C-alpha atoms as a PDB file:
ATOM      1  CA  MET A   1       0.000   0.000   0.000  1.00  0.00           C
ATOM      2  CA  LEU A   2       2.820   2.422   0.883  1.00  0.00           C
ATOM      3  CA  PHE A   3       4.477   1.752  -2.465  1.00  0.00           C
ATOM      4  CA  ILE A   4       1.229   2.522  -4.315  1.00  0.00           C
ATOM      5  CA  LEU A   5       0.890   5.833  -2.439  1.00  0.00           C
ATOM      6  CA  LEU A   6       4.501   6.730  -3.286  1.00  0.00           C
ATOM      7  CA  VAL A   7       3.928   5.993  -6.979  1.00  0.00           C
ATOM      8  CA  PHE A   8       0.709   8.046  -6.866  1.00  0.00           C
ATOM      9  CA  PHE A   9       2.466  11.087  -5.301  1.00  0.00           C
ATOM     10  CA  ILE A  10       5.371  10.884  -7.759  1.00  0.00           C
ATOM     11  CA  HIS A  11       2.885  10.761 -10.632  1.00  0.00           C
ATOM     12  CA  LEU A  12       0.831  13.614  -9.163  1.00  0.00           C
ATOM     13  CA  PHE A  13       3.708  15.940  -8.243  1.00  0.00           C
ATOM     14  CA  GLY A  14       6.382  14.820 -10.691  1.00  0.00           C
ATOM     15  CA  THR A  15       9.850  13.517 -10.017  1.00  0.00           C
ATOM     16  CA  ASN A  16      10.892  16.717  -8.225  1.00  0.00           C
ATOM     17  CA  LEU A  17      10.057  14.930  -4.985  1.00  0.00           C
ATOM     18  CA  MET A  18      12.955  12.600  -5.696  1.00  0.00           C
ATOM     19  CA  SER A  19      15.514  15.125  -6.984  1.00  0.00           C
ATOM     20  CA  ALA A  20      18.137  17.007  -5.010  1.00  0.00           C
ATOM     21  CA  SER A  21      18.468  20.761  -5.285  1.00  0.00           C
ATOM     22  CA  LEU A  22      21.022  22.567  -7.402  1.00  0.00           C
ATOM     23  CA  GLN A  23      24.511  22.633  -5.904  1.00  0.00           C
ATOM     24  CA  LEU A  24      27.366  25.002  -6.790  1.00  0.00           C
ATOM     25  CA  TYR A  25      30.811  23.962  -5.555  1.00  0.00           C
ATOM     26  CA  SER A  26      34.515  24.464  -6.205  1.00  0.00           C
ATOM     27  CA  ASN A  27      37.756  22.525  -6.000  1.00  0.00           C
ATOM     28  CA  SER A  28      39.469  25.893  -5.370  1.00  0.00           C
ATOM     29  CA  PHE A  29      37.697  26.723  -2.083  1.00  0.00           C
ATOM     30  CA  LYS A  30      34.880  25.409   0.080  1.00  0.00           C
ATOM     31  CA  ASN A  31      31.730  27.327   0.999  1.00  0.00           C
ATOM     32  CA  ASN A  32      32.389  30.067   3.589  1.00  0.00           C
ATOM     33  CA  THR A  33      36.157  29.570   3.571  1.00  0.00           C
ATOM     34  CA  ILE A  34      39.069  31.765   2.523  1.00  0.00           C
ATOM     35  CA  ILE A  35      39.721  32.148  -1.196  1.00  0.00           C
ATOM     36  CA  ASP A  36      43.371  31.420  -1.971  1.00  0.00           C
ATOM     37  CA  ILE A  37      45.447  34.493  -2.875  1.00  0.00           C
ATOM     38  CA  LYS A  38      46.006  32.950  -6.338  1.00  0.00           C
ATOM     39  CA  TYR A  39      42.432  33.948  -7.294  1.00  0.00           C
ATOM     40  CA  THR A  40      42.743  37.547  -6.042  1.00  0.00           C
ATOM     41  CA  CYS A  41      44.268  40.852  -7.168  1.00  0.00           C
ATOM     42  CA  GLU A  42      47.274  40.071  -4.967  1.00  0.00           C
ATOM     43  CA  GLY A  43      47.888  36.785  -6.809  1.00  0.00           C
ATOM     44  CA  LYS A  44      47.438  35.628 -10.399  1.00  0.00           C
ATOM     45  CA  ASP A  45      43.835  36.937 -10.456  1.00  0.00           C
ATOM     46  CA  VAL A  46      42.590  33.832 -12.290  1.00  0.00           C
ATOM     47  CA  SER A  47      39.046  32.571 -11.925  1.00  0.00           C
ATOM     48  CA  PRO A  48      38.568  29.631  -9.549  1.00  0.00           C
ATOM     49  CA  HIS A  49      37.223  26.239 -10.537  1.00  0.00           C
ATOM     50  CA  LEU A  50      33.417  26.159 -10.321  1.00  0.00           C
ATOM     51  CA  ALA A  51      31.083  23.233 -10.943  1.00  0.00           C
ATOM     52  CA  TRP A  52      27.419  22.453 -10.433  1.00  0.00           C
ATOM     53  CA  LYS A  53      25.159  19.437 -10.206  1.00  0.00           C
ATOM     54  CA  ASN A  54      21.505  18.509  -9.769  1.00  0.00           C
ATOM     55  CA  VAL A  55      20.517  20.786 -12.648  1.00  0.00           C
ATOM     56  CA  PRO A  56      16.746  21.047 -13.259  1.00  0.00           C
ATOM     57  CA  LYS A  57      15.198  19.647 -16.416  1.00  0.00           C
ATOM     58  CA  HIS A  58      14.467  22.144 -19.194  1.00  0.00           C
ATOM     59  CA  THR A  59      17.595  24.182 -18.433  1.00  0.00           C
ATOM     60  CA  LYS A  60      18.548  26.262 -21.470  1.00  0.00           C
ATOM     61  CA  SER A  61      21.348  28.392 -20.006  1.00  0.00           C
ATOM     62  CA  PHE A  62      23.121  29.588 -16.884  1.00  0.00           C
ATOM     63  CA  VAL A  63      24.178  33.002 -15.635  1.00  0.00           C
ATOM     64  CA  LEU A  64      27.110  33.248 -13.240  1.00  0.00           C
ATOM     65  CA  LEU A  65      27.525  36.340 -11.109  1.00  0.00           C
ATOM     66  CA  CYS A  66      30.297  37.035  -8.606  1.00  0.00           C
ATOM     67  CA  GLU A  67      29.855  40.022  -6.328  1.00  0.00           C
ATOM     68  CA  ASP A  68      31.063  41.513  -3.055  1.00  0.00           C
ATOM     69  CA  PRO A  69      28.199  42.886  -0.932  1.00  0.00           C
ATOM     70  CA  ASP A  70      30.728  44.077   1.692  1.00  0.00           C
ATOM     71  CA  ALA A  71      32.290  46.665  -0.642  1.00  0.00           C
ATOM     72  CA  PRO A  72      32.285  50.198   0.849  1.00  0.00           C
ATOM     73  CA  ARG A  73      29.925  52.087  -1.469  1.00  0.00           C
ATOM     74  CA  LYS A  74      27.861  49.408  -3.219  1.00  0.00           C
ATOM     75  CA  THR A  75      27.754  45.719  -4.025  1.00  0.00           C
ATOM     76  CA  TRP A  76      30.832  45.332  -6.241  1.00  0.00           C
ATOM     77  CA  VAL A  77      30.452  43.115  -9.317  1.00  0.00           C
ATOM     78  CA  HIS A  78      33.548  40.998  -9.992  1.00  0.00           C
ATOM     79  CA  TRP A  79      32.345  38.763 -12.809  1.00  0.00           C
ATOM     80  CA  ILE A  80      29.279  38.224 -14.986  1.00  0.00           C
ATOM     81  CA  VAL A  81      28.982  35.361 -17.437  1.00  0.00           C
ATOM     82  CA  ALA A  82      25.654  35.020 -19.256  1.00  0.00           C
ATOM     83  CA  ASN A  83      24.268  32.388 -21.606  1.00  0.00           C
ATOM     84  CA  ILE A  84      26.487  29.536 -20.447  1.00  0.00           C
ATOM     85  CA  PRO A  85      24.977  26.588 -22.368  1.00  0.00           C
ATOM     86  CA  GLY A  86      22.566  24.377 -20.442  1.00  0.00           C
ATOM     87  CA  ASN A  87      24.739  21.269 -20.920  1.00  0.00           C
ATOM     88  CA  VAL A  88      27.838  22.802 -19.257  1.00  0.00           C
ATOM     89  CA  ARG A  89      28.517  21.655 -15.691  1.00  0.00           C
ATOM     90  CA  GLU A  90      31.931  23.143 -14.946  1.00  0.00           C
ATOM     91  CA  LEU A  91      34.253  26.089 -15.457  1.00  0.00           C
ATOM     92  CA  LYS A  92      37.859  25.082 -14.948  1.00  0.00           C
ATOM     93  CA  GLU A  93      40.331  27.315 -13.140  1.00  0.00           C
ATOM     94  CA  GLY A  94      41.216  30.249 -15.410  1.00  0.00           C
ATOM     95  CA  GLN A  95      39.013  28.899 -18.218  1.00  0.00           C
ATOM     96  CA  LEU A  96      38.344  31.156 -21.162  1.00  0.00           C
ATOM     97  CA  ILE A  97      34.641  31.660 -21.759  1.00  0.00           C
ATOM     98  CA  ASN A  98      34.305  30.580 -25.372  1.00  0.00           C
ATOM     99  CA  PHE A  99      31.060  28.602 -25.360  1.00  0.00           C
ATOM    100  CA  GLU A 100      28.586  29.301 -28.140  1.00  0.00           C
ATOM    101  CA  ASN A 101      26.306  32.242 -27.150  1.00  0.00           C
ATOM    102  CA  ALA A 102      28.114  32.770 -23.811  1.00  0.00           C
ATOM    103  CA  GLN A 103      29.101  36.330 -22.985  1.00  0.00           C
ATOM    104  CA  GLU A 104      31.148  37.960 -20.270  1.00  0.00           C
ATOM    105  CA  LEU A 105      29.648  41.313 -19.369  1.00  0.00           C
ATOM    106  CA  LYS A 106      31.398  44.333 -17.876  1.00  0.00           C
ATOM    107  CA  ASN A 107      32.153  44.107 -14.189  1.00  0.00           C
ATOM    108  CA  ASP A 108      32.783  47.057 -11.866  1.00  0.00           C
ATOM    109  CA  PHE A 109      36.466  47.008 -12.871  1.00  0.00           C
ATOM    110  CA  LYS A 110      35.149  47.959 -16.369  1.00  0.00           C
ATOM    111  CA  LYS A 111      36.461  44.629 -17.744  1.00  0.00           C
ATOM    112  CA  THR A 112      34.637  41.801 -19.487  1.00  0.00           C
ATOM    113  CA  SER A 113      36.519  39.126 -17.575  1.00  0.00           C
ATOM    114  CA  TYR A 114      37.001  37.817 -14.071  1.00  0.00           C
ATOM    115  CA  GLY A 115      38.236  40.338 -11.527  1.00  0.00           C
ATOM    116  CA  GLY A 116      39.229  38.586  -8.324  1.00  0.00           C
ATOM    117  CA  PRO A 117      38.730  39.656  -4.731  1.00  0.00           C
ATOM    118  CA  CYS A 118      40.468  42.961  -4.032  1.00  0.00           C
ATOM    119  CA  PRO A 119      38.933  44.636  -0.978  1.00  0.00           C
ATOM    120  CA  PRO A 120      40.434  47.865   0.349  1.00  0.00           C
ATOM    121  CA  LYS A 121      43.358  47.181   2.673  1.00  0.00           C
ATOM    122  CA  GLY A 122      42.402  47.117   6.334  1.00  0.00           C
ATOM    123  CA  HIS A 123      38.642  46.870   5.691  1.00  0.00           C
ATOM    124  CA  GLY A 124      38.238  43.408   7.180  1.00  0.00           C
ATOM    125  CA  VAL A 125      36.887  40.229   5.693  1.00  0.00           C
ATOM    126  CA  HIS A 126      34.786  40.491   2.538  1.00  0.00           C
ATOM    127  CA  HIS A 127      32.383  37.808   1.319  1.00  0.00           C
ATOM    128  CA  TYR A 128      32.376  36.927  -2.380  1.00  0.00           C
ATOM    129  CA  HIS A 129      29.094  35.482  -3.573  1.00  0.00           C
ATOM    130  CA  PHE A 130      29.315  33.255  -6.649  1.00  0.00           C
ATOM    131  CA  ILE A 131      25.685  32.922  -7.746  1.00  0.00           C
ATOM    132  CA  LEU A 132      24.627  30.509 -10.463  1.00  0.00           C
ATOM    133  CA  TYR A 133      21.209  31.138 -12.004  1.00  0.00           C
ATOM    134  CA  VAL A 134      19.486  28.405 -14.022  1.00  0.00           C
ATOM    135  CA  LEU A 135      17.342  29.766 -16.850  1.00  0.00           C
ATOM    136  CA  ASP A 136      14.694  28.340 -19.140  1.00  0.00           C
ATOM    137  CA  THR A 137      15.878  30.542 -22.017  1.00  0.00           C
ATOM    138  CA  ILE A 138      18.909  31.985 -23.764  1.00  0.00           C
ATOM    139  CA  LEU A 139      18.992  35.716 -23.107  1.00  0.00           C
ATOM    140  CA  ASP A 140      18.960  38.307 -25.881  1.00  0.00           C
ATOM    141  CA  ILE A 141      21.709  40.596 -24.556  1.00  0.00           C
ATOM    142  CA  THR A 142      24.755  42.484 -25.796  1.00  0.00           C
ATOM    143  CA  PRO A 143      28.225  42.940 -24.262  1.00  0.00           C
ATOM    144  CA  GLU A 144      27.069  46.380 -23.089  1.00  0.00           C
ATOM    145  CA  THR A 145      24.235  44.906 -21.007  1.00  0.00           C
ATOM    146  CA  THR A 146      24.516  46.070 -17.393  1.00  0.00           C
ATOM    147  CA  LYS A 147      23.917  43.911 -14.333  1.00  0.00           C
ATOM    148  CA  ASP A 148      20.544  45.614 -13.728  1.00  0.00           C
ATOM    149  CA  GLU A 149      19.487  45.081 -17.356  1.00  0.00           C
ATOM    150  CA  LEU A 150      20.616  41.449 -17.126  1.00  0.00           C
ATOM    151  CA  LEU A 151      18.574  40.851 -13.964  1.00  0.00           C
ATOM    152  CA  LYS A 152      15.554  42.411 -15.667  1.00  0.00           C
ATOM    153  CA  ALA A 153      16.016  40.155 -18.729  1.00  0.00           C
ATOM    154  CA  MET A 154      16.277  37.109 -16.427  1.00  0.00           C
ATOM    155  CA  HIS A 155      13.017  37.966 -14.638  1.00  0.00           C
ATOM    156  CA  GLY A 156      10.460  35.202 -15.131  1.00  0.00           C
ATOM    157  CA  HIS A 157      13.072  32.803 -16.565  1.00  0.00           C
ATOM    158  CA  ILE A 158      14.896  31.696 -13.388  1.00  0.00           C
ATOM    159  CA  ILE A 159      14.277  28.013 -12.671  1.00  0.00           C
ATOM    160  CA  ASP A 160      16.707  27.692  -9.776  1.00  0.00           C
ATOM    161  CA  LYS A 161      19.821  29.265  -8.281  1.00  0.00           C
ATOM    162  CA  ALA A 162      22.681  28.297  -6.001  1.00  0.00           C
ATOM    163  CA  THR A 163      25.290  30.337  -4.147  1.00  0.00           C
ATOM    164  CA  LEU A 164      28.861  29.595  -3.112  1.00  0.00           C
ATOM    165  CA  ILE A 165      30.562  32.085  -0.786  1.00  0.00           C
ATOM    166  CA  GLY A 166      34.286  32.614  -0.361  1.00  0.00           C
ATOM    167  CA  THR A 167      36.024  35.124   1.886  1.00  0.00           C
ATOM    168  CA  PHE A 168      39.120  37.263   1.518  1.00  0.00           C
ATOM    169  CA  GLU A 169      40.827  40.016   3.502  1.00  0.00           C
ATOM    170  CA  ARG A 170      43.769  42.205   2.526  1.00  0.00           C
ATOM    171  CA  GLU A 171      46.129  43.080   5.340  1.00  0.00           C
ATOM    172  CA  SER A 172      46.596  46.779   6.097  1.00  0.00           C
ATOM    173  CA  LYS A 173      50.397  46.611   5.698  1.00  0.00           C
END
């Protein structure tokens, strides 16, 4: 009887009852731990490894956003990658973004590439949020699209999202 009820609920509500939620992780750092200097402005300033699993069905693309909400004047955008194809599950350390339709948009360093953690010296620990959005569409954007315009274009198309947080502090010396 229990088995029949389980089959009934799976049929009624879909297989989402059985699936795990989206996970964003890295071989470069663990959630809520220090980001190695290699990935910062004081090191090689290369992007860290990022990977994700438990992707929802009907995923068409991903948007990756890295930002520092602890920045002095505003949330500082370090990296925006839009239209990562829906079949991609990993960005290797320092990987060039050359997937079909994928675009790196301007960050607050005025670059269309990764800009690693670089908080003001002596300002304490900053938290870097790597946010992966799962979309049911490929966005119609240009390289000049701003973060606000991107978020507006994503509205109504976000299926899921996951966040990975790393920390970094520059010494005041």
